[in-house]
Protein backbone atom coordinates (compact mmCIF):
# COMPACT_ATOMS: atom_id res chain seq x y z
CA MET A 1 -127.12 -182.55 -67.21
CA SER A 2 -124.58 -179.77 -67.69
CA GLN A 3 -125.24 -176.91 -70.02
CA ARG A 4 -122.97 -176.73 -73.05
CA ARG A 5 -121.93 -173.48 -74.61
CA TRP A 6 -122.91 -172.93 -78.23
CA TYR A 7 -119.32 -173.36 -79.42
CA ASP A 8 -118.87 -176.63 -77.53
CA ILE A 9 -121.51 -178.39 -79.64
CA ASP A 10 -119.05 -178.91 -82.50
CA PRO A 11 -115.83 -180.57 -81.24
CA ARG A 12 -113.65 -178.88 -83.85
CA LEU A 13 -115.01 -175.40 -83.08
CA SER A 14 -114.72 -176.11 -79.36
CA LYS A 15 -111.06 -177.01 -79.78
CA VAL A 16 -110.37 -173.80 -81.74
CA VAL A 17 -112.18 -171.56 -79.23
CA HIS A 18 -110.53 -173.12 -76.19
CA ALA A 19 -107.10 -172.90 -77.84
CA MET A 20 -107.69 -169.20 -78.54
CA GLU A 21 -108.69 -168.64 -74.91
CA PHE A 22 -105.31 -169.79 -73.61
CA MET A 23 -103.06 -168.18 -76.22
CA ASN A 24 -100.70 -165.32 -75.58
CA ARG A 25 -102.79 -162.13 -75.48
CA ASP A 26 -101.23 -160.69 -78.66
CA SER A 27 -101.81 -163.97 -80.52
CA GLN A 28 -105.35 -164.07 -79.18
CA PHE A 29 -106.11 -160.60 -80.52
CA TYR A 30 -104.45 -161.42 -83.84
CA PHE A 31 -106.58 -164.55 -84.25
CA GLY A 32 -109.61 -162.55 -83.09
CA ASP A 33 -109.06 -160.06 -85.90
CA LYS A 34 -108.77 -162.92 -88.40
CA LEU A 35 -111.90 -164.57 -86.98
CA TYR A 36 -113.76 -161.26 -87.26
CA GLU A 37 -112.64 -160.82 -90.86
CA MET A 38 -113.69 -164.38 -91.77
CA SER A 39 -117.05 -164.15 -89.99
CA GLU A 40 -117.84 -160.76 -91.57
CA ALA A 41 -117.11 -162.21 -95.02
CA LEU A 42 -119.42 -165.18 -94.40
CA LEU A 43 -122.18 -162.96 -93.01
CA ALA A 44 -121.91 -160.75 -96.10
CA GLN A 45 -122.19 -163.84 -98.33
CA ARG A 46 -125.29 -164.92 -96.42
CA GLY A 47 -127.00 -161.55 -96.85
CA GLY A 48 -125.47 -159.32 -94.16
CA ASP A 49 -128.05 -157.25 -92.30
CA GLU A 50 -130.92 -159.13 -93.91
CA TYR A 51 -129.45 -162.43 -92.70
CA LEU A 52 -129.15 -161.05 -89.17
CA ALA A 53 -132.69 -159.65 -89.28
CA ASN A 54 -134.02 -163.09 -90.21
CA LEU A 55 -132.32 -164.99 -87.38
CA ASP A 56 -134.62 -167.05 -85.19
CA ALA A 57 -135.80 -165.49 -81.93
CA LYS A 58 -133.48 -167.63 -79.78
CA LYS A 59 -130.36 -166.43 -81.64
CA LYS A 60 -131.51 -162.81 -81.54
CA GLU A 61 -132.06 -163.13 -77.80
CA GLY A 62 -128.58 -164.66 -77.41
CA LEU A 63 -126.99 -161.75 -79.28
CA THR A 64 -128.87 -159.26 -77.12
CA LYS A 65 -127.81 -161.02 -73.91
CA ALA A 66 -124.21 -161.07 -75.15
CA ARG A 67 -123.94 -157.33 -74.55
CA SER A 68 -123.97 -157.79 -70.78
CA LYS A 69 -121.76 -160.88 -70.50
CA HIS A 70 -118.28 -160.86 -69.11
CA ARG A 71 -116.74 -163.74 -71.00
CA TRP A 72 -113.03 -163.95 -71.79
CA TYR A 73 -113.60 -162.82 -75.36
CA ASP A 74 -115.68 -159.80 -74.34
CA ARG A 75 -112.57 -158.04 -73.00
CA ASN A 76 -111.57 -157.04 -76.52
CA GLU A 77 -114.06 -155.39 -78.89
CA SER A 78 -112.76 -157.22 -81.96
CA LEU A 79 -113.02 -160.61 -80.21
CA HIS A 80 -116.49 -159.73 -78.90
CA LYS A 81 -117.73 -158.84 -82.40
CA ALA A 82 -116.07 -161.89 -83.93
CA PHE A 83 -117.73 -164.27 -81.47
CA ASN A 84 -121.12 -162.61 -81.91
CA ASN A 85 -120.77 -163.04 -85.67
CA LEU A 86 -119.72 -166.65 -85.19
CA TYR A 87 -122.73 -167.25 -82.95
CA ALA A 88 -125.06 -165.80 -85.60
CA LEU A 89 -123.72 -168.08 -88.34
CA SER A 90 -125.00 -171.57 -89.04
CA GLY A 91 -123.30 -174.63 -87.63
CA GLN A 92 -121.89 -175.44 -91.08
CA ASP A 93 -120.41 -171.93 -91.43
CA ARG A 94 -118.88 -172.15 -87.96
CA ARG A 95 -117.36 -175.50 -88.86
CA GLU A 96 -115.89 -174.04 -92.06
CA ILE A 97 -114.18 -171.31 -90.06
CA ALA A 98 -112.96 -173.82 -87.46
CA VAL A 99 -111.44 -176.00 -90.20
CA GLN A 100 -109.56 -173.00 -91.60
CA LEU A 101 -108.26 -171.91 -88.18
CA GLU A 102 -107.48 -175.34 -86.75
CA THR A 103 -104.05 -175.87 -88.32
CA PRO A 104 -102.62 -172.37 -87.77
CA ILE A 105 -103.83 -172.46 -84.17
CA GLN A 106 -102.08 -175.81 -83.61
CA ILE A 107 -98.88 -174.38 -85.01
CA VAL A 108 -99.10 -171.20 -82.94
CA GLU A 109 -99.81 -173.27 -79.82
CA GLY A 110 -96.64 -175.26 -80.48
CA TYR A 111 -94.67 -172.11 -81.16
CA GLU A 112 -95.90 -170.49 -77.93
CA ARG A 113 -95.04 -173.64 -75.94
CA HIS A 114 -91.57 -173.52 -77.45
CA CYS A 115 -91.19 -169.84 -76.51
CA ASN A 116 -92.44 -170.46 -72.96
CA HIS A 117 -90.05 -173.40 -72.60
CA HIS A 118 -87.14 -171.16 -73.59
CA GLY A 119 -88.34 -168.16 -71.58
CA SER A 120 -88.92 -165.95 -74.61
CA LYS A 121 -91.90 -163.99 -75.85
CA PRO A 122 -93.58 -165.11 -79.08
CA GLU A 123 -92.82 -162.83 -82.00
CA MET A 124 -95.81 -161.49 -83.89
CA ARG A 125 -93.98 -161.62 -87.21
CA VAL A 126 -93.60 -165.40 -86.77
CA ILE A 127 -97.30 -165.73 -85.95
CA GLU A 128 -98.15 -163.59 -88.97
CA GLU A 129 -96.00 -165.85 -91.15
CA ILE A 130 -97.75 -168.94 -89.79
CA LEU A 131 -101.14 -167.44 -90.63
CA ARG A 132 -99.94 -166.19 -94.00
CA SER A 133 -98.63 -169.59 -95.01
CA SER A 134 -101.82 -171.25 -93.77
CA PHE A 135 -104.25 -168.99 -95.57
CA ILE A 136 -102.34 -168.05 -98.70
CA GLU A 137 -100.26 -171.15 -99.40
CA GLY A 138 -102.86 -173.56 -98.03
CA ARG A 139 -103.47 -176.02 -95.27
CA GLU A 140 -101.10 -178.60 -96.74
CA ARG A 141 -98.24 -176.07 -96.70
CA ALA A 142 -99.06 -175.16 -93.10
CA CYS A 143 -99.01 -178.85 -92.15
CA LYS A 144 -95.53 -179.17 -93.69
CA LEU A 145 -94.43 -176.14 -91.70
CA TYR A 146 -95.86 -177.77 -88.57
CA ALA A 147 -94.02 -181.03 -89.33
CA LEU A 148 -90.77 -179.08 -89.70
CA TYR A 149 -91.51 -177.38 -86.40
CA LEU A 150 -92.03 -180.72 -84.65
CA TYR A 151 -88.71 -181.93 -85.98
CA ASP A 152 -86.83 -178.74 -85.12
CA TYR A 153 -88.50 -178.42 -81.71
CA SER A 154 -86.79 -181.63 -80.62
CA GLN A 155 -83.38 -180.38 -81.77
CA PRO A 156 -81.13 -178.40 -79.40
CA LYS A 157 -81.10 -174.63 -79.88
CA HIS A 158 -78.39 -173.51 -82.28
CA PRO A 159 -76.01 -170.99 -80.62
CA GLU A 160 -75.33 -169.39 -84.02
CA ALA A 161 -79.03 -168.57 -84.34
CA PRO A 162 -79.45 -165.50 -82.05
CA GLU A 163 -82.85 -164.63 -83.53
CA GLY A 164 -84.24 -167.96 -82.49
CA LEU A 165 -84.86 -171.27 -84.17
CA TRP A 166 -88.33 -170.39 -85.46
CA THR A 167 -87.32 -167.06 -86.97
CA ASN A 168 -84.39 -168.68 -88.78
CA LEU A 169 -86.56 -171.59 -89.90
CA LEU A 170 -89.12 -169.21 -91.37
CA LYS A 171 -86.43 -167.17 -93.09
CA SER A 172 -85.00 -170.35 -94.61
CA LEU A 173 -88.44 -171.42 -95.79
CA GLN A 174 -89.12 -168.01 -97.31
CA LYS A 175 -85.76 -168.07 -99.08
CA ALA A 176 -86.39 -171.58 -100.42
CA MET A 177 -89.87 -170.59 -101.67
CA SER A 178 -88.47 -167.51 -103.52
């Protein structure tokens, strides 16, 4: 029997964590900051320090052991804190966060694949726009953006679009939404 990591228990959370692991480093840190923000908010709702003080002994031991680990997310302090917070939360809270991050992560993965295919570096302003549309305008809006991406990804690059297809697509969407 192989040992499963705590985040591999829930398939949705596992998918989000593994996607984050293989993202561009800047994207990874950006999502780590968002994960930290979301986990801090949930911990505060659950009682903050009192919630953490009342964790079962096994979770407390896991958080203590986490200080000496050398996992991929321990290389960045924000990611390390975010994952410790996520570990401390209940399975339902973790799932809630995974549901919120799932769509923007899928879109960013597609965007990064597109950039890699064309030999360009992902632009943080595009990633920020993906997250903004996902969290502010909602999951449905992000799914529409993703559907547009899938359509445009299959189209040849437009020579009159020196900023890149994605940047122009996002500008067009912003203009249409204004």
